[in-house]
Structures are given as structure tokens and as C-alpha cells.
């Protein structure tokens, strides 16, 4: 898949956006490590918290089809500035592509290329979680001292 083809797919995906409130359509084209492409658009809802961004739409489509490794994503918006992913999208992308490339476009089609680590330098991943299977505890704990105070297992100390 060429860069231009992926950019064209992201722009096309923006045409399907459902944005009656913000009037800000965004499209995304996500390339998985095996070359499979998933597109997404933002979908708004009158209950604003139920709105989903284009990047997460594409990511969740990929994951729901069994893809767990992301290579790059193109995000196309129609503003003067580049269309950067929001914090929630950055975290979701980081989960499945901690080394992925993020290509942000503006309405002129100009691009800015970043790594997801540049956008989210301290991403939250499984290394921040700890499962204590030795003492039969199946709970997840954040790797901070507060878990050690609450959980009295010798494995926590």
C-alpha cells in the first residue's frame, strides 16, 4: 500500500462521517502489520460521550477482525491545522502499535508524520499492570506502592 493510497482511503472515509453536531468530519485508514487496511470515520451522538473518533473506529474494526499489530495510520481532517488524534485514540493506538507511525493531514492534504511515542511519550501498557498468579490472586494491580498497602500478599512486598 502506497502512502498516497492510504491517504486517499482516509479522505474517502471522512465522507462517511456522521457529524451533525460538530460538522467536523474525520477519516482514518489504519494499516496492520500484515498489510490489511481498515478505515473508520467519526460517528457523533446526541449523548456526546457516546461519540467515537475515526481512529478508534478503524482500530476497533481491526481488533474485531483478529488484528492486534498496527503499523501506521493516516488521519484526514478538513481543518487548517493537522488532524491529530485525541488522547483516548492515542492510548488505543499505543496498545496495538507502540512503534506505529501516525500521519496527520490537513485540509490541503499536507502531512505531518509522527510516531505514536512522540504523541504519547508515557503510554500506559501491560508493563504497568501486574497479575499475581503465585498466590492465587487473579486481580490486576497497578504497579505502585498503593497496591502493596491494600494487598497483603507476600508477593506484593
N, C-alpha and C. Protein backbone atom coordinates (compact mmCIF):
# COMPACT_ATOMS: atom_id res chain seq x y z
N UNK A 1 0.85 -1.18 0.00
CA UNK A 1 0.00 0.00 0.00
C UNK A 1 0.89 1.24 0.00
N UNK A 2 0.69 2.10 -0.96
CA UNK A 2 1.50 3.32 -1.02
C UNK A 2 0.95 4.35 -0.03
N UNK A 3 1.79 5.33 0.28
CA UNK A 3 1.35 6.41 1.16
C UNK A 3 0.13 7.11 0.58
N UNK A 4 0.18 7.40 -0.71
CA UNK A 4 -0.93 8.13 -1.35
C UNK A 4 -2.23 7.33 -1.31
N UNK A 5 -2.15 6.04 -1.53
CA UNK A 5 -3.36 5.20 -1.48
C UNK A 5 -3.98 5.23 -0.08
N UNK A 6 -3.14 5.16 0.93
CA UNK A 6 -3.63 5.18 2.31
C UNK A 6 -4.24 6.55 2.64
N UNK A 7 -3.61 7.61 2.16
CA UNK A 7 -4.15 8.96 2.37
C UNK A 7 -5.50 9.11 1.67
N UNK A 8 -5.61 8.59 0.46
CA UNK A 8 -6.87 8.67 -0.27
C UNK A 8 -7.97 7.90 0.45
N UNK A 9 -7.62 6.76 1.03
CA UNK A 9 -8.61 5.97 1.76
C UNK A 9 -9.09 6.71 3.01
N UNK A 10 -8.20 7.40 3.70
CA UNK A 10 -8.58 8.17 4.88
C UNK A 10 -9.51 9.32 4.49
N UNK A 11 -9.19 10.00 3.40
CA UNK A 11 -10.04 11.10 2.94
C UNK A 11 -11.42 10.59 2.54
N UNK A 12 -11.46 9.45 1.87
CA UNK A 12 -12.74 8.85 1.46
C UNK A 12 -13.57 8.46 2.69
N UNK A 13 -12.90 7.91 3.71
CA UNK A 13 -13.61 7.51 4.93
C UNK A 13 -14.27 8.71 5.60
N UNK A 14 -13.66 9.88 5.52
CA UNK A 14 -14.24 11.09 6.12
C UNK A 14 -15.59 11.44 5.49
N UNK A 15 -15.80 11.02 4.26
CA UNK A 15 -17.07 11.30 3.59
C UNK A 15 -18.24 10.57 4.25
N UNK A 16 -17.95 9.51 4.99
CA UNK A 16 -18.99 8.72 5.65
C UNK A 16 -19.24 9.16 7.09
N UNK A 17 -18.50 10.15 7.56
CA UNK A 17 -18.63 10.61 8.95
C UNK A 17 -20.05 11.07 9.23
N UNK A 18 -20.52 10.79 10.44
CA UNK A 18 -21.82 11.26 10.91
C UNK A 18 -21.53 12.34 11.94
N UNK A 19 -21.61 13.59 11.50
CA UNK A 19 -21.17 14.72 12.35
C UNK A 19 -22.21 15.85 12.35
N UNK A 20 -23.45 15.58 12.75
CA UNK A 20 -24.47 16.63 12.72
C UNK A 20 -24.25 17.73 13.76
N UNK A 21 -23.41 17.50 14.75
CA UNK A 21 -23.22 18.47 15.83
C UNK A 21 -21.95 19.30 15.65
N UNK A 22 -20.85 18.66 15.40
CA UNK A 22 -19.58 19.39 15.26
C UNK A 22 -19.33 19.87 13.83
N UNK A 23 -19.93 19.19 12.87
CA UNK A 23 -19.66 19.48 11.44
C UNK A 23 -18.17 19.33 11.12
N UNK A 24 -17.50 18.41 11.84
CA UNK A 24 -16.06 18.21 11.69
C UNK A 24 -15.79 16.75 11.31
N UNK A 25 -15.90 16.42 10.01
CA UNK A 25 -15.67 15.03 9.59
C UNK A 25 -14.20 14.66 9.62
N UNK A 26 -13.95 13.47 10.09
CA UNK A 26 -12.58 12.93 10.13
C UNK A 26 -12.63 11.50 9.59
N UNK A 27 -11.61 11.16 8.82
CA UNK A 27 -11.48 9.81 8.31
C UNK A 27 -10.12 9.25 8.69
N UNK A 28 -10.04 7.95 8.81
CA UNK A 28 -8.78 7.30 9.15
C UNK A 28 -8.63 6.03 8.33
N UNK A 29 -7.39 5.73 7.98
CA UNK A 29 -7.04 4.48 7.31
C UNK A 29 -5.89 3.87 8.08
N UNK A 30 -6.13 2.70 8.62
CA UNK A 30 -5.19 2.01 9.50
C UNK A 30 -4.59 0.81 8.77
N UNK A 31 -3.27 0.74 8.76
CA UNK A 31 -2.58 -0.40 8.15
C UNK A 31 -2.05 -1.30 9.26
N UNK A 32 -2.44 -2.56 9.22
CA UNK A 32 -1.95 -3.54 10.19
C UNK A 32 -0.60 -4.09 9.72
N UNK A 33 0.08 -4.76 10.61
CA UNK A 33 1.43 -5.25 10.30
C UNK A 33 1.43 -6.24 9.13
N UNK A 34 0.31 -6.92 8.88
CA UNK A 34 0.24 -7.87 7.76
C UNK A 34 -0.21 -7.21 6.46
N UNK A 35 -0.42 -5.88 6.49
CA UNK A 35 -0.82 -5.14 5.30
C UNK A 35 -2.32 -4.94 5.14
N UNK A 36 -3.12 -5.56 6.00
CA UNK A 36 -4.56 -5.37 5.94
C UNK A 36 -4.91 -3.94 6.33
N UNK A 37 -5.88 -3.34 5.61
CA UNK A 37 -6.28 -1.96 5.85
C UNK A 37 -7.70 -1.92 6.41
N UNK A 38 -7.89 -1.08 7.42
CA UNK A 38 -9.22 -0.82 7.97
C UNK A 38 -9.43 0.68 7.97
N UNK A 39 -10.61 1.11 7.55
CA UNK A 39 -10.93 2.53 7.57
C UNK A 39 -11.96 2.81 8.66
N UNK A 40 -12.04 4.07 9.01
CA UNK A 40 -13.02 4.48 10.01
C UNK A 40 -13.34 5.95 9.86
N UNK A 41 -14.48 6.34 10.38
CA UNK A 41 -14.88 7.74 10.41
C UNK A 41 -15.42 8.05 11.79
N UNK A 42 -15.50 9.33 12.12
CA UNK A 42 -16.09 9.68 13.40
C UNK A 42 -17.60 9.59 13.31
N UNK A 43 -18.21 9.15 14.41
CA UNK A 43 -19.65 8.99 14.49
C UNK A 43 -20.11 9.68 15.77
N UNK A 44 -20.85 10.77 15.60
CA UNK A 44 -21.32 11.53 16.75
C UNK A 44 -22.67 11.02 17.23
N UNK A 45 -23.00 11.43 18.46
CA UNK A 45 -24.26 11.05 19.06
C UNK A 45 -24.74 12.22 19.91
N UNK A 46 -26.04 12.37 20.03
CA UNK A 46 -26.58 13.46 20.84
C UNK A 46 -26.09 13.37 22.29
N UNK A 47 -25.85 12.17 22.76
CA UNK A 47 -25.19 11.97 24.05
C UNK A 47 -23.69 11.97 23.73
N UNK A 48 -23.07 13.13 23.86
CA UNK A 48 -21.71 13.33 23.35
C UNK A 48 -20.71 12.27 23.80
N UNK A 49 -20.85 11.75 24.98
CA UNK A 49 -19.92 10.73 25.47
C UNK A 49 -19.96 9.45 24.67
N UNK A 50 -21.01 9.25 23.91
CA UNK A 50 -21.14 8.04 23.09
C UNK A 50 -20.57 8.22 21.69
N UNK A 51 -19.97 9.36 21.43
CA UNK A 51 -19.33 9.63 20.15
C UNK A 51 -18.02 8.84 20.06
N UNK A 52 -17.66 8.44 18.84
CA UNK A 52 -16.39 7.73 18.65
C UNK A 52 -15.62 8.40 17.51
N UNK A 53 -14.33 8.48 17.70
CA UNK A 53 -13.44 9.09 16.71
C UNK A 53 -13.14 8.11 15.57
N UNK A 54 -12.69 8.66 14.46
CA UNK A 54 -12.35 7.86 13.29
C UNK A 54 -11.25 6.85 13.58
N UNK A 55 -10.24 7.27 14.36
CA UNK A 55 -9.11 6.40 14.65
C UNK A 55 -9.53 5.17 15.44
N UNK A 56 -10.37 5.38 16.46
CA UNK A 56 -10.83 4.24 17.25
C UNK A 56 -11.80 3.37 16.47
N UNK A 57 -12.60 3.97 15.58
CA UNK A 57 -13.47 3.16 14.73
C UNK A 57 -12.62 2.19 13.91
N UNK A 58 -11.58 2.70 13.26
CA UNK A 58 -10.70 1.84 12.45
C UNK A 58 -10.00 0.80 13.32
N UNK A 59 -9.50 1.23 14.48
CA UNK A 59 -8.78 0.31 15.37
C UNK A 59 -9.68 -0.81 15.87
N UNK A 60 -10.90 -0.46 16.28
CA UNK A 60 -11.80 -1.48 16.81
C UNK A 60 -12.29 -2.41 15.72
N UNK A 61 -12.44 -1.90 14.50
CA UNK A 61 -12.76 -2.79 13.38
C UNK A 61 -11.64 -3.80 13.19
N UNK A 62 -10.39 -3.33 13.24
CA UNK A 62 -9.25 -4.22 13.06
C UNK A 62 -9.19 -5.28 14.16
N UNK A 63 -9.32 -4.85 15.39
CA UNK A 63 -9.24 -5.79 16.52
C UNK A 63 -10.40 -6.79 16.45
N UNK A 64 -11.58 -6.32 16.06
CA UNK A 64 -12.74 -7.22 15.99
C UNK A 64 -12.60 -8.26 14.88
N UNK A 65 -11.66 -8.03 13.97
CA UNK A 65 -11.38 -8.99 12.90
C UNK A 65 -10.12 -9.79 13.17
N UNK A 66 -9.58 -9.68 14.40
CA UNK A 66 -8.45 -10.50 14.79
C UNK A 66 -7.07 -9.89 14.61
N UNK A 67 -6.99 -8.63 14.24
CA UNK A 67 -5.70 -7.98 14.04
C UNK A 67 -5.28 -7.26 15.31
N UNK A 68 -4.06 -7.51 15.73
CA UNK A 68 -3.58 -6.97 17.00
C UNK A 68 -2.29 -6.16 16.88
N UNK A 69 -1.74 -6.02 15.68
CA UNK A 69 -0.48 -5.30 15.49
C UNK A 69 -0.67 -4.26 14.39
N UNK A 70 -0.48 -3.00 14.78
CA UNK A 70 -0.69 -1.89 13.84
C UNK A 70 0.64 -1.32 13.39
N UNK A 71 0.69 -0.97 12.11
CA UNK A 71 1.91 -0.42 11.51
C UNK A 71 1.85 1.11 11.37
N UNK A 72 0.74 1.62 10.81
CA UNK A 72 0.60 3.06 10.62
C UNK A 72 -0.87 3.41 10.42
N UNK A 73 -1.14 4.69 10.66
CA UNK A 73 -2.50 5.20 10.44
C UNK A 73 -2.39 6.58 9.81
N UNK A 74 -3.31 6.86 8.90
CA UNK A 74 -3.45 8.19 8.31
C UNK A 74 -4.76 8.76 8.83
N UNK A 75 -4.71 10.02 9.30
CA UNK A 75 -5.89 10.69 9.83
C UNK A 75 -6.13 11.94 8.99
N UNK A 76 -7.31 12.01 8.37
CA UNK A 76 -7.62 13.11 7.46
C UNK A 76 -8.75 13.96 8.02
N UNK A 77 -8.46 15.24 8.22
CA UNK A 77 -9.48 16.19 8.65
C UNK A 77 -9.60 17.30 7.64
N UNK A 78 -10.48 18.23 7.91
CA UNK A 78 -10.71 19.32 6.97
C UNK A 78 -10.45 20.68 7.61
N UNK A 79 -9.49 20.73 8.51
CA UNK A 79 -9.16 22.00 9.16
C UNK A 79 -7.83 22.52 8.62
N UNK A 80 -7.53 23.76 8.96
CA UNK A 80 -6.25 24.34 8.54
C UNK A 80 -5.08 23.63 9.18
N UNK A 81 -5.26 23.24 10.44
CA UNK A 81 -4.20 22.56 11.17
C UNK A 81 -4.26 21.06 10.87
N UNK A 82 -3.21 20.38 11.24
CA UNK A 82 -3.18 18.91 11.07
C UNK A 82 -4.19 18.28 12.01
N UNK A 83 -4.72 17.15 11.60
CA UNK A 83 -5.72 16.44 12.39
C UNK A 83 -5.01 15.41 13.27
N UNK A 84 -4.75 15.79 14.51
CA UNK A 84 -4.06 14.91 15.46
C UNK A 84 -5.07 14.05 16.21
N UNK A 85 -4.67 12.85 16.62
CA UNK A 85 -5.59 12.02 17.40
C UNK A 85 -5.75 12.57 18.82
N UNK A 86 -6.94 12.39 19.38
CA UNK A 86 -7.20 12.81 20.76
C UNK A 86 -6.47 11.86 21.72
N UNK A 87 -6.50 12.16 22.99
CA UNK A 87 -5.80 11.34 23.98
C UNK A 87 -6.29 9.91 24.03
N UNK A 88 -7.60 9.71 23.98
CA UNK A 88 -8.15 8.35 24.02
C UNK A 88 -7.69 7.54 22.81
N UNK A 89 -7.69 8.17 21.65
CA UNK A 89 -7.25 7.47 20.43
C UNK A 89 -5.76 7.15 20.51
N UNK A 90 -4.98 8.07 21.03
CA UNK A 90 -3.54 7.81 21.19
C UNK A 90 -3.31 6.58 22.05
N UNK A 91 -4.05 6.47 23.14
CA UNK A 91 -3.88 5.33 24.05
C UNK A 91 -4.29 4.02 23.37
N UNK A 92 -5.40 4.03 22.64
CA UNK A 92 -5.84 2.81 21.94
C UNK A 92 -4.83 2.41 20.88
N UNK A 93 -4.34 3.36 20.11
CA UNK A 93 -3.35 3.04 19.08
C UNK A 93 -2.06 2.51 19.70
N UNK A 94 -1.64 3.10 20.80
CA UNK A 94 -0.43 2.67 21.51
C UNK A 94 -0.54 1.21 21.97
N UNK A 95 -1.72 0.81 22.39
CA UNK A 95 -1.94 -0.57 22.86
C UNK A 95 -1.58 -1.59 21.79
N UNK A 96 -1.91 -1.28 20.53
CA UNK A 96 -1.72 -2.25 19.46
C UNK A 96 -0.58 -1.90 18.50
N UNK A 97 0.02 -0.75 18.69
CA UNK A 97 1.12 -0.35 17.81
C UNK A 97 2.07 0.62 18.48
N UNK A 98 2.77 0.19 19.53
CA UNK A 98 3.62 1.12 20.26
C UNK A 98 4.76 1.72 19.42
N UNK A 99 5.01 1.16 18.27
CA UNK A 99 6.05 1.70 17.39
C UNK A 99 5.46 2.18 16.06
N UNK A 100 4.15 2.38 16.01
CA UNK A 100 3.50 2.73 14.75
C UNK A 100 3.73 4.18 14.36
N UNK A 101 3.54 4.43 13.08
CA UNK A 101 3.63 5.77 12.53
C UNK A 101 2.23 6.38 12.45
N UNK A 102 2.12 7.67 12.74
CA UNK A 102 0.87 8.39 12.65
C UNK A 102 1.07 9.52 11.64
N UNK A 103 0.26 9.52 10.59
CA UNK A 103 0.34 10.54 9.55
C UNK A 103 -0.91 11.41 9.67
N UNK A 104 -0.71 12.67 9.99
CA UNK A 104 -1.81 13.62 10.17
C UNK A 104 -1.88 14.53 8.96
N UNK A 105 -3.10 14.67 8.41
CA UNK A 105 -3.31 15.53 7.24
C UNK A 105 -4.13 16.75 7.63
N UNK A 106 -3.97 17.81 6.87
CA UNK A 106 -4.86 18.97 7.00
C UNK A 106 -5.73 19.05 5.75
N UNK A 107 -6.54 20.10 5.65
CA UNK A 107 -7.48 20.17 4.53
C UNK A 107 -6.79 20.35 3.18
N UNK A 108 -5.55 20.81 3.18
CA UNK A 108 -4.80 20.95 1.94
C UNK A 108 -4.14 19.64 1.52
N UNK A 109 -4.23 18.62 2.37
CA UNK A 109 -3.57 17.35 2.07
C UNK A 109 -2.12 17.32 2.49
N UNK A 110 -1.67 18.39 3.15
CA UNK A 110 -0.30 18.39 3.67
C UNK A 110 -0.22 17.42 4.82
N UNK A 111 0.94 16.83 5.01
CA UNK A 111 1.08 15.78 6.01
C UNK A 111 2.13 16.11 7.06
N UNK A 112 1.90 15.56 8.23
CA UNK A 112 2.88 15.61 9.31
C UNK A 112 3.00 14.20 9.85
N UNK A 113 4.22 13.68 9.86
CA UNK A 113 4.47 12.31 10.30
C UNK A 113 5.09 12.30 11.70
N UNK A 114 4.51 11.48 12.55
CA UNK A 114 4.97 11.34 13.93
C UNK A 114 4.92 9.88 14.31
N UNK A 115 5.64 9.52 15.34
CA UNK A 115 5.47 8.19 15.91
C UNK A 115 4.44 8.31 17.03
N UNK A 116 3.79 7.21 17.35
CA UNK A 116 2.81 7.25 18.44
C UNK A 116 3.50 7.60 19.75
N UNK A 117 4.77 7.22 19.90
CA UNK A 117 5.51 7.56 21.12
C UNK A 117 5.79 9.06 21.23
N UNK A 118 5.88 9.75 20.10
CA UNK A 118 6.01 11.21 20.15
C UNK A 118 4.71 11.84 20.62
N UNK A 119 3.59 11.27 20.21
CA UNK A 119 2.29 11.79 20.60
C UNK A 119 1.89 11.37 22.01
N UNK A 120 2.40 10.23 22.46
CA UNK A 120 2.06 9.70 23.79
C UNK A 120 3.34 9.11 24.40
N UNK A 121 4.23 9.98 24.89
CA UNK A 121 5.55 9.50 25.34
C UNK A 121 5.52 8.56 26.55
N UNK A 122 4.48 8.62 27.34
CA UNK A 122 4.41 7.75 28.52
C UNK A 122 3.12 6.94 28.46
N UNK A 123 2.95 6.23 27.35
CA UNK A 123 1.74 5.45 27.16
C UNK A 123 1.58 4.37 28.22
N UNK A 124 0.35 4.10 28.55
CA UNK A 124 0.01 3.09 29.54
C UNK A 124 -0.11 1.75 28.82
N UNK A 125 0.66 0.76 29.24
CA UNK A 125 0.58 -0.56 28.63
C UNK A 125 0.66 -1.64 29.71
N UNK A 126 0.75 -2.88 29.27
CA UNK A 126 0.72 -4.00 30.21
C UNK A 126 1.89 -4.01 31.19
N UNK A 127 2.95 -3.29 30.89
CA UNK A 127 4.07 -3.26 31.82
C UNK A 127 3.72 -2.51 33.10
N UNK A 128 2.64 -1.71 33.06
CA UNK A 128 2.18 -1.01 34.25
C UNK A 128 1.25 -1.86 35.10
N UNK A 129 0.89 -3.03 34.60
CA UNK A 129 -0.02 -3.92 35.31
C UNK A 129 0.75 -5.13 35.83
N UNK A 130 0.22 -5.72 36.86
CA UNK A 130 0.86 -6.89 37.44
C UNK A 130 -0.21 -7.86 37.88
N UNK A 131 -0.10 -9.09 37.46
CA UNK A 131 -1.03 -10.13 37.88
C UNK A 131 -0.27 -11.08 38.79
N UNK A 132 -0.77 -11.27 39.99
CA UNK A 132 -0.12 -12.16 40.95
C UNK A 132 -0.77 -13.54 40.86
N UNK A 133 -0.17 -14.42 40.09
CA UNK A 133 -0.71 -15.77 39.94
C UNK A 133 -0.10 -16.73 40.95
N UNK A 134 0.97 -16.35 41.61
CA UNK A 134 1.64 -17.24 42.54
C UNK A 134 0.80 -17.56 43.77
N UNK A 135 0.08 -16.57 44.29
CA UNK A 135 -0.70 -16.84 45.49
C UNK A 135 -2.18 -17.01 45.19
N UNK A 136 -2.52 -17.23 43.92
CA UNK A 136 -3.89 -17.49 43.54
C UNK A 136 -4.73 -16.25 43.34
N UNK A 137 -4.17 -15.08 43.54
CA UNK A 137 -4.90 -13.84 43.35
C UNK A 137 -4.98 -13.55 41.86
N UNK A 138 -6.16 -13.37 41.35
CA UNK A 138 -6.35 -13.12 39.92
C UNK A 138 -6.63 -11.65 39.62
N UNK A 139 -6.51 -10.79 40.59
CA UNK A 139 -6.78 -9.37 40.38
C UNK A 139 -5.59 -8.71 39.71
N UNK A 140 -5.88 -7.65 39.00
CA UNK A 140 -4.83 -6.83 38.41
C UNK A 140 -4.52 -5.69 39.36
N UNK A 141 -3.26 -5.38 39.49
CA UNK A 141 -2.84 -4.28 40.34
C UNK A 141 -1.97 -3.34 39.55
N UNK A 142 -2.15 -2.05 39.76
CA UNK A 142 -1.21 -1.09 39.21
C UNK A 142 0.08 -1.24 39.97
N UNK A 143 1.18 -1.10 39.29
CA UNK A 143 2.48 -1.28 39.91
C UNK A 143 2.89 -0.02 40.67
N UNK A 144 2.18 0.28 41.71
CA UNK A 144 2.50 1.41 42.55
C UNK A 144 2.47 0.95 44.00
N UNK A 145 3.06 1.73 44.88
CA UNK A 145 3.11 1.35 46.29
C UNK A 145 1.72 1.24 46.90
N UNK A 146 0.74 1.96 46.36
CA UNK A 146 -0.60 1.91 46.95
C UNK A 146 -1.16 0.49 46.89
N UNK A 147 -0.84 -0.29 45.86
CA UNK A 147 -1.37 -1.65 45.79
C UNK A 147 -0.72 -2.51 46.87
N UNK A 148 0.49 -2.22 47.19
CA UNK A 148 1.18 -3.01 48.21
C UNK A 148 0.55 -2.81 49.58
N UNK A 149 0.05 -1.62 49.84
CA UNK A 149 -0.59 -1.37 51.14
C UNK A 149 -1.94 -2.07 51.22
N UNK A 150 -2.68 -2.10 50.12
CA UNK A 150 -4.01 -2.70 50.15
C UNK A 150 -3.98 -4.21 50.06
N UNK A 151 -3.05 -4.74 49.34
CA UNK A 151 -2.97 -6.18 49.11
C UNK A 151 -1.82 -6.73 49.96
N UNK A 152 -2.11 -7.58 50.89
CA UNK A 152 -1.14 -8.03 51.87
C UNK A 152 -0.37 -9.29 51.47
N UNK A 153 -0.45 -9.67 50.21
CA UNK A 153 0.27 -10.85 49.76
C UNK A 153 1.77 -10.62 49.89
N UNK A 154 2.48 -11.68 50.24
CA UNK A 154 3.94 -11.55 50.35
C UNK A 154 4.57 -11.26 48.97
N UNK A 155 3.88 -11.66 47.90
CA UNK A 155 4.41 -11.41 46.56
C UNK A 155 4.39 -9.91 46.23
N UNK A 156 3.55 -9.14 46.92
CA UNK A 156 3.48 -7.71 46.66
C UNK A 156 4.63 -6.96 47.33
N UNK A 157 5.26 -7.55 48.28
CA UNK A 157 6.29 -6.82 49.03
C UNK A 157 7.64 -6.93 48.38
